[in-house]
Amino acid sequence: MVGKKKPLVVITRKLPDPVETRMRELFDARLNVEDRPMTQPELVAAVKEADVLVPTVTDQIDAALIAQAGDNLKLIANFGNGVDKIDVAAAAKRGITVTNTPNVLTEDTADMTMALMLAVPRRLVEGANVLTGDKKWAGWSPTWMLGRRIWGKRLGIVGMGRIGTAVARRAKAFGLSIHYHNRHRVLPAVEDGLEATYWESLDQMLARMDIISVNCPSTPATFHLLSARRLALLQPSAYIVNTARGDIIDEEALVKLIQDGKIAGAGLDVYEHEPALNSKLLRLAAKGKVVLLPHMGSATLEGRIDMGEKVIINIKAFVDGHRPPDRVLPLRT
């Protein structure tokens, strides 16, 4: 990456047209117009020849792949906030900088979290399916399709970062009582504004909540944070919503507890082994016990363009010899 030669930037998935167009203007950008996930051999070929790799959540950039990178690869500019699929430490050892796109998906993800928080207790998907199913709707009845009210209920937020705080703001407006567990207590002004109750013990919070919202990042420390033991602490009337990462919840344990009537239901946008989906979850969805979405929490055009602009800024800063604004350091993962 010397002189005026444009860096070769390999993009692993199709991005919004405005983002791709700008990348083509600034860099020697190789696009994935088919929007097909790259195979492992294709990823190997990409890291061998690229100056910059732009992966997404569907790509596993592990130590084995990084070990095969060519000498030209100096930047992995992730299209996404989470870097759980990138071995940041292995990249650092090879002198490869990793960046991400923080702070652009907060509101979109919080919107979807709130949507699931409403959809599950109020049985929105079941109700919609009545009108589009094979049987004719018989009309209103005072005891039919009864859900549960969310106003006045206690919401326990696991992970009170930017997204968790945005969820809390929305939930407070819907009349929920805000509780949270976090590695560190939030600022008093934030806590007071939300009238939020802090729980140092996750176990104690889980046992007392009506709804649990998972909003923490996926790290080795949060893998199965909501384990079978912890999930068993929930009340039988409780609901759980996850728009963070699937492996934070022990999915098999969650399925069993819902099947046994020990948890009322769940709203999930992420899955432990996605894109593979647990067939038991599908059966629960058919029974109206869970609402399942295909990892679309951040899927707004505005959000995706904002992400792309962050990627471009990081690449441009790096190519120009400056420190990228969204550099990810190994200790911060």
Protein backbone atom coordinates (compact mmCIF):
# COMPACT_ATOMS: atom_id res chain seq x y z
CA MET A 1 0.00 0.00 0.00
CA VAL A 2 2.55 2.58 -1.19
CA GLY A 3 2.37 5.44 -3.62
CA LYS A 4 -0.96 6.19 -5.24
CA LYS A 5 -1.89 2.58 -5.86
CA LYS A 6 -5.33 1.84 -4.51
CA PRO A 7 -5.42 -0.92 -1.89
CA LEU A 8 -7.13 -4.17 -2.83
CA VAL A 9 -10.18 -4.41 -0.59
CA VAL A 10 -12.01 -7.76 -0.64
CA ILE A 11 -15.60 -7.58 0.61
CA THR A 12 -17.06 -10.93 1.62
CA ARG A 13 -20.78 -10.11 1.21
CA LYS A 14 -22.95 -7.73 -0.82
CA LEU A 15 -23.30 -4.34 0.86
CA PRO A 16 -25.83 -1.56 0.11
CA ASP A 17 -25.22 0.01 -3.31
CA PRO A 18 -24.18 3.45 -1.96
CA VAL A 19 -21.51 1.79 0.18
CA GLU A 20 -20.18 -0.38 -2.65
CA THR A 21 -20.13 2.57 -5.04
CA ARG A 22 -18.08 4.67 -2.63
CA MET A 23 -15.69 1.78 -2.02
CA ARG A 24 -15.16 1.41 -5.76
CA GLU A 25 -14.37 5.12 -5.98
CA LEU A 26 -11.80 5.05 -3.19
CA PHE A 27 -10.27 1.57 -3.38
CA ASP A 28 -9.63 -1.36 -5.68
CA ALA A 29 -12.75 -2.99 -4.25
CA ARG A 30 -13.65 -6.57 -5.09
CA LEU A 31 -17.38 -6.99 -4.53
CA ASN A 32 -19.47 -10.06 -3.84
CA VAL A 33 -22.42 -9.24 -6.09
CA GLU A 34 -23.99 -12.69 -5.63
CA ASP A 35 -24.20 -12.15 -1.86
CA ARG A 36 -23.20 -15.77 -1.31
CA PRO A 37 -21.17 -16.55 1.82
CA MET A 38 -17.58 -17.27 0.87
CA THR A 39 -16.38 -20.84 1.19
CA GLN A 40 -13.30 -21.56 3.28
CA PRO A 41 -11.06 -21.88 0.18
CA GLU A 42 -12.41 -18.56 -1.08
CA LEU A 43 -11.65 -16.91 2.25
CA VAL A 44 -8.13 -18.34 2.16
CA ALA A 45 -7.62 -16.94 -1.33
CA ALA A 46 -8.97 -13.57 -0.18
CA VAL A 47 -6.60 -13.20 2.78
CA LYS A 48 -3.66 -14.30 0.65
CA GLU A 49 -4.05 -11.45 -1.85
CA ALA A 50 -6.01 -8.67 -0.14
CA ASP A 51 -4.59 -5.55 1.45
CA VAL A 52 -7.83 -5.14 3.38
CA LEU A 53 -10.49 -7.74 4.19
CA VAL A 54 -14.05 -6.63 4.93
CA PRO A 55 -15.81 -9.60 6.57
CA THR A 56 -19.26 -9.86 8.14
CA VAL A 57 -20.88 -11.90 10.90
CA THR A 58 -21.18 -14.91 8.55
CA ASP A 59 -17.38 -15.25 8.19
CA GLN A 60 -15.17 -17.17 10.62
CA ILE A 61 -11.85 -15.34 10.69
CA ASP A 62 -10.01 -17.65 13.06
CA ALA A 63 -6.33 -18.16 13.82
CA ALA A 64 -5.97 -20.87 11.19
CA LEU A 65 -7.24 -18.54 8.47
CA ILE A 66 -5.15 -15.61 9.67
CA ALA A 67 -2.04 -17.82 9.62
CA GLN A 68 -2.52 -18.20 5.85
CA ALA A 69 -2.79 -14.46 5.20
CA GLY A 70 -0.39 -12.86 2.77
CA ASP A 71 2.08 -10.20 3.81
CA ASN A 72 -0.10 -7.52 2.18
CA LEU A 73 -3.03 -8.06 4.54
CA LYS A 74 -2.71 -5.34 7.16
CA LEU A 75 -6.34 -4.53 8.00
CA ILE A 76 -9.49 -6.50 8.75
CA ALA A 77 -12.28 -3.90 8.64
CA ASN A 78 -15.26 -5.76 10.04
CA PHE A 79 -18.72 -4.82 8.72
CA GLY A 80 -20.38 -5.13 12.11
CA ASN A 81 -19.95 -4.30 15.75
CA GLY A 82 -19.32 -7.78 17.16
CA VAL A 83 -15.89 -9.28 16.57
CA ASP A 84 -16.59 -12.67 18.16
CA LYS A 85 -15.97 -14.36 14.79
CA ILE A 86 -12.51 -12.73 14.45
CA ASP A 87 -9.45 -13.90 16.38
CA VAL A 88 -8.24 -10.41 17.25
CA ALA A 89 -5.23 -11.70 19.19
CA ALA A 90 -4.05 -13.85 16.28
CA ALA A 91 -4.44 -10.88 13.96
CA ALA A 92 -2.42 -8.66 16.28
CA LYS A 93 0.42 -11.19 16.36
CA ARG A 94 0.58 -10.99 12.57
CA GLY A 95 0.59 -7.20 12.67
CA ILE A 96 -2.95 -7.00 11.28
CA THR A 97 -5.22 -4.26 12.60
CA VAL A 98 -8.89 -5.09 13.28
CA THR A 99 -11.68 -2.51 13.24
CA ASN A 100 -15.43 -2.69 13.74
CA THR A 101 -18.50 -0.44 13.39
CA PRO A 102 -19.71 0.49 16.88
CA ASN A 103 -22.54 2.81 17.91
CA VAL A 104 -24.53 2.72 14.66
CA LEU A 105 -26.94 -0.14 15.38
CA THR A 106 -28.01 0.79 18.89
CA GLU A 107 -31.42 2.24 18.12
CA ASP A 108 -32.32 -0.32 15.45
CA THR A 109 -31.48 -3.26 17.71
CA ALA A 110 -33.31 -1.68 20.63
CA ASP A 111 -36.39 -1.22 18.42
CA MET A 112 -36.37 -4.91 17.51
CA THR A 113 -35.86 -5.92 21.14
CA MET A 114 -38.91 -3.92 22.10
CA ALA A 115 -40.86 -5.44 19.22
CA LEU A 116 -40.11 -8.96 20.47
CA MET A 117 -40.90 -7.90 24.01
CA LEU A 118 -44.39 -7.03 22.79
CA ALA A 119 -44.78 -9.84 20.26
CA VAL A 120 -44.30 -12.76 22.63
CA PRO A 121 -46.62 -11.92 25.58
CA ARG A 122 -49.25 -10.33 23.30
CA ARG A 123 -49.18 -13.26 20.84
CA LEU A 124 -48.81 -11.01 17.80
CA VAL A 125 -47.54 -13.67 15.41
CA GLU A 126 -50.25 -16.13 16.42
CA GLY A 127 -52.88 -13.48 15.88
CA ALA A 128 -51.53 -12.49 12.47
CA ASN A 129 -51.46 -16.12 11.39
CA VAL A 130 -55.15 -16.53 12.21
CA LEU A 131 -56.04 -14.13 9.42
CA THR A 132 -53.73 -15.68 6.84
CA GLY A 133 -54.31 -19.34 7.73
CA ASP A 134 -56.60 -21.92 6.18
CA LYS A 135 -59.45 -21.45 8.63
CA LYS A 136 -61.78 -18.47 8.49
CA TRP A 137 -61.62 -16.11 11.46
CA ALA A 138 -64.77 -16.55 13.56
CA GLY A 139 -64.61 -13.02 14.98
CA TRP A 140 -63.90 -11.43 18.35
CA SER A 141 -64.43 -13.29 21.61
CA PRO A 142 -63.81 -12.05 25.17
CA THR A 143 -61.75 -15.08 26.14
CA TRP A 144 -59.96 -15.85 22.88
CA MET A 145 -56.26 -15.18 22.09
CA LEU A 146 -55.53 -13.81 25.54
CA GLY A 147 -51.94 -12.74 26.10
CA ARG A 148 -50.18 -11.07 28.98
CA ARG A 149 -49.91 -7.34 29.73
CA ILE A 150 -46.40 -5.88 29.79
CA TRP A 151 -47.29 -2.58 31.47
CA GLY A 152 -46.31 -2.70 35.14
CA LYS A 153 -44.05 -5.73 34.70
CA ARG A 154 -40.40 -5.99 35.75
CA LEU A 155 -37.81 -6.05 32.97
CA GLY A 156 -34.36 -7.45 33.73
CA ILE A 157 -31.70 -6.31 31.26
CA VAL A 158 -28.56 -8.45 31.00
CA GLY A 159 -25.90 -6.04 29.74
CA MET A 160 -26.53 -2.34 30.27
CA GLY A 161 -24.35 -0.96 27.49
CA ARG A 162 -25.59 1.34 24.75
CA ILE A 163 -28.19 -1.12 23.44
CA GLY A 164 -29.33 -2.18 26.90
CA THR A 165 -29.76 1.45 27.89
CA ALA A 166 -31.70 2.18 24.69
CA VAL A 167 -33.96 -0.79 25.43
CA ALA A 168 -34.48 0.52 28.96
CA ARG A 169 -35.57 3.94 27.64
CA ARG A 170 -38.18 2.34 25.41
CA ALA A 171 -39.37 -0.10 28.05
CA LYS A 172 -39.78 2.65 30.64
CA ALA A 173 -42.06 4.49 28.22
CA PHE A 174 -44.18 1.32 28.01
CA GLY A 175 -44.58 1.29 31.78
CA LEU A 176 -42.10 -1.43 32.68
CA SER A 177 -39.99 -1.31 35.83
CA ILE A 178 -36.31 -1.33 34.83
CA HIS A 179 -33.78 -3.66 36.45
CA TYR A 180 -30.32 -4.53 35.16
CA HIS A 181 -27.20 -6.61 35.70
CA ASN A 182 -23.91 -5.38 34.28
CA ARG A 183 -20.19 -5.80 34.92
CA HIS A 184 -20.15 -2.23 36.16
CA ARG A 185 -22.90 -0.09 37.57
CA VAL A 186 -24.01 2.66 35.16
CA LEU A 187 -23.64 6.35 36.00
CA PRO A 188 -26.03 7.61 38.70
CA ALA A 189 -27.58 10.10 36.28
CA VAL A 190 -28.46 7.28 33.85
CA GLU A 191 -29.77 5.06 36.62
CA ASP A 192 -31.87 7.87 38.08
CA GLY A 193 -33.26 8.88 34.69
CA LEU A 194 -34.42 5.33 34.04
CA GLU A 195 -35.44 4.71 37.66
CA ALA A 196 -33.41 1.54 37.24
CA THR A 197 -32.49 -0.97 39.93
CA TYR A 198 -29.00 -2.47 39.77
CA TRP A 199 -28.44 -6.11 40.66
CA GLU A 200 -24.89 -7.19 41.37
CA SER A 201 -26.12 -10.80 41.43
CA LEU A 202 -27.44 -12.00 38.07
CA ASP A 203 -29.01 -15.01 39.79
CA GLN A 204 -31.04 -12.86 42.15
CA MET A 205 -32.27 -10.64 39.34
CA LEU A 206 -33.32 -13.52 37.09
CA ALA A 207 -35.47 -15.05 39.82
CA ARG A 208 -37.53 -11.89 40.24
CA MET A 209 -38.18 -10.64 36.70
CA ASP A 210 -41.19 -10.96 34.40
CA ILE A 211 -39.17 -10.36 31.21
CA ILE A 212 -35.44 -10.84 30.57
CA SER A 213 -33.70 -9.00 27.73
CA VAL A 214 -30.24 -10.22 26.68
CA ASN A 215 -28.12 -7.31 25.44
CA CYS A 216 -24.53 -8.19 26.35
CA PRO A 217 -21.75 -8.98 23.84
CA SER A 218 -20.63 -12.49 22.99
CA THR A 219 -17.27 -13.18 24.65
CA PRO A 220 -15.69 -16.26 26.24
CA ALA A 221 -16.98 -14.93 29.57
CA THR A 222 -20.59 -14.68 28.35
CA PHE A 223 -20.78 -18.06 26.60
CA HIS A 224 -23.85 -19.76 28.12
CA LEU A 225 -24.06 -16.95 30.66
CA LEU A 226 -27.71 -17.93 30.84
CA SER A 227 -26.95 -21.56 31.61
CA ALA A 228 -29.41 -24.33 32.41
CA ARG A 229 -28.97 -23.56 36.10
CA ARG A 230 -29.64 -19.85 35.65
CA LEU A 231 -32.56 -20.33 33.26
CA ALA A 232 -34.17 -22.59 35.85
CA LEU A 233 -34.26 -19.60 38.21
CA LEU A 234 -36.81 -17.81 36.02
CA GLN A 235 -40.43 -17.75 37.05
CA PRO A 236 -42.84 -19.96 35.05
CA SER A 237 -44.61 -16.79 33.88
CA ALA A 238 -41.39 -15.14 32.64
CA TYR A 239 -40.40 -14.41 29.05
CA ILE A 240 -36.90 -14.06 27.61
CA VAL A 241 -35.84 -11.97 24.60
CA ASN A 242 -32.45 -12.25 22.87
CA THR A 243 -31.23 -9.87 20.17
CA ALA A 244 -27.54 -10.12 21.14
CA ARG A 245 -25.86 -13.43 20.29
CA GLY A 246 -27.25 -16.95 20.37
CA ASP A 247 -24.46 -18.60 22.35
CA ILE A 248 -25.12 -16.41 25.41
CA ILE A 249 -28.09 -18.71 26.14
CA ASP A 250 -27.93 -22.48 26.55
CA GLU A 251 -30.43 -23.05 23.76
CA GLU A 252 -31.18 -26.70 24.55
CA ALA A 253 -31.89 -25.84 28.17
CA LEU A 254 -34.17 -22.98 27.12
CA VAL A 255 -36.12 -25.26 24.79
CA LYS A 256 -36.64 -27.87 27.49
CA LEU A 257 -37.80 -25.34 30.08
CA ILE A 258 -40.34 -23.87 27.64
CA GLN A 259 -41.51 -27.35 26.63
CA ASP A 260 -42.00 -28.22 30.30
CA GLY A 261 -43.92 -25.03 31.01
CA LYS A 262 -41.23 -23.70 33.35
CA ILE A 263 -40.70 -20.57 31.21
CA ALA A 264 -43.65 -18.89 29.49
CA GLY A 265 -41.94 -18.20 26.15
CA ALA A 266 -39.15 -16.50 24.25
CA GLY A 267 -38.52 -14.03 21.44
CA LEU A 268 -35.30 -14.83 19.59
CA ASP A 269 -33.50 -13.06 16.77
CA VAL A 270 -30.23 -14.97 17.19
CA TYR A 271 -29.38 -18.64 17.64
CA GLU A 272 -26.59 -20.69 19.12
CA HIS A 273 -25.67 -22.47 15.87
CA GLU A 274 -27.06 -20.10 13.24
CA PRO A 275 -27.82 -20.29 10.42
CA ALA A 276 -28.71 -23.83 11.55
CA LEU A 277 -31.93 -23.69 13.53
CA ASN A 278 -32.97 -26.04 16.31
CA SER A 279 -35.97 -28.04 15.05
CA LYS A 280 -37.40 -28.02 18.57
CA LEU A 281 -37.58 -24.22 18.42
CA LEU A 282 -39.55 -24.46 15.19
CA ARG A 283 -42.04 -26.78 16.84
CA LEU A 284 -42.40 -24.39 19.76
CA ALA A 285 -42.97 -21.54 17.32
CA ALA A 286 -45.75 -23.52 15.64
CA LYS A 287 -47.38 -23.82 19.07
CA GLY A 288 -47.05 -20.09 19.72
CA LYS A 289 -44.55 -20.52 22.53
CA VAL A 290 -41.74 -18.61 20.84
CA VAL A 291 -41.36 -15.91 18.20
CA LEU A 292 -38.41 -16.48 15.89
CA LEU A 293 -36.79 -13.88 13.63
CA PRO A 294 -33.90 -14.42 11.16
CA HIS A 295 -31.19 -12.21 12.75
CA MET A 296 -32.77 -8.98 11.55
CA GLY A 297 -32.42 -6.83 14.65
CA SER A 298 -30.14 -4.32 12.94
CA ALA A 299 -31.60 -4.74 9.45
CA THR A 300 -32.47 -1.21 8.41
CA LEU A 301 -31.17 0.46 5.27
CA GLU A 302 -30.03 3.44 7.32
CA GLY A 303 -28.15 1.22 9.74
CA ARG A 304 -26.38 -0.76 7.02
CA ILE A 305 -25.29 2.40 5.23
CA ASP A 306 -24.01 3.84 8.51
CA MET A 307 -22.03 0.64 9.04
CA GLY A 308 -20.56 0.86 5.56
CA GLU A 309 -19.53 4.46 6.09
CA LYS A 310 -17.73 3.45 9.28
CA VAL A 311 -15.88 0.72 7.39
CA ILE A 312 -14.83 3.22 4.72
CA ILE A 313 -13.62 5.73 7.31
CA ASN A 314 -11.56 3.05 9.05
CA ILE A 315 -9.98 1.88 5.79
CA LYS A 316 -9.29 5.43 4.58
CA ALA A 317 -7.68 6.42 7.88
CA PHE A 318 -5.51 3.30 7.85
CA VAL A 319 -4.43 3.73 4.23
CA ASP A 320 -3.58 7.37 4.90
CA GLY A 321 -1.28 6.33 7.72
CA HIS A 322 -3.54 7.26 10.62
CA ARG A 323 -4.91 5.14 13.43
CA PRO A 324 -8.42 3.95 12.50
CA PRO A 325 -11.04 5.41 14.86
CA ASP A 326 -12.67 2.04 15.55
CA ARG A 327 -9.61 -0.12 16.14
CA VAL A 328 -10.31 -3.21 18.26
CA LEU A 329 -7.58 -4.26 20.69
CA PRO A 330 -7.20 -7.87 21.87
CA LEU A 331 -7.79 -7.07 25.52
CA ARG A 332 -11.08 -5.37 24.69
CA THR A 333 -12.63 -8.48 23.17
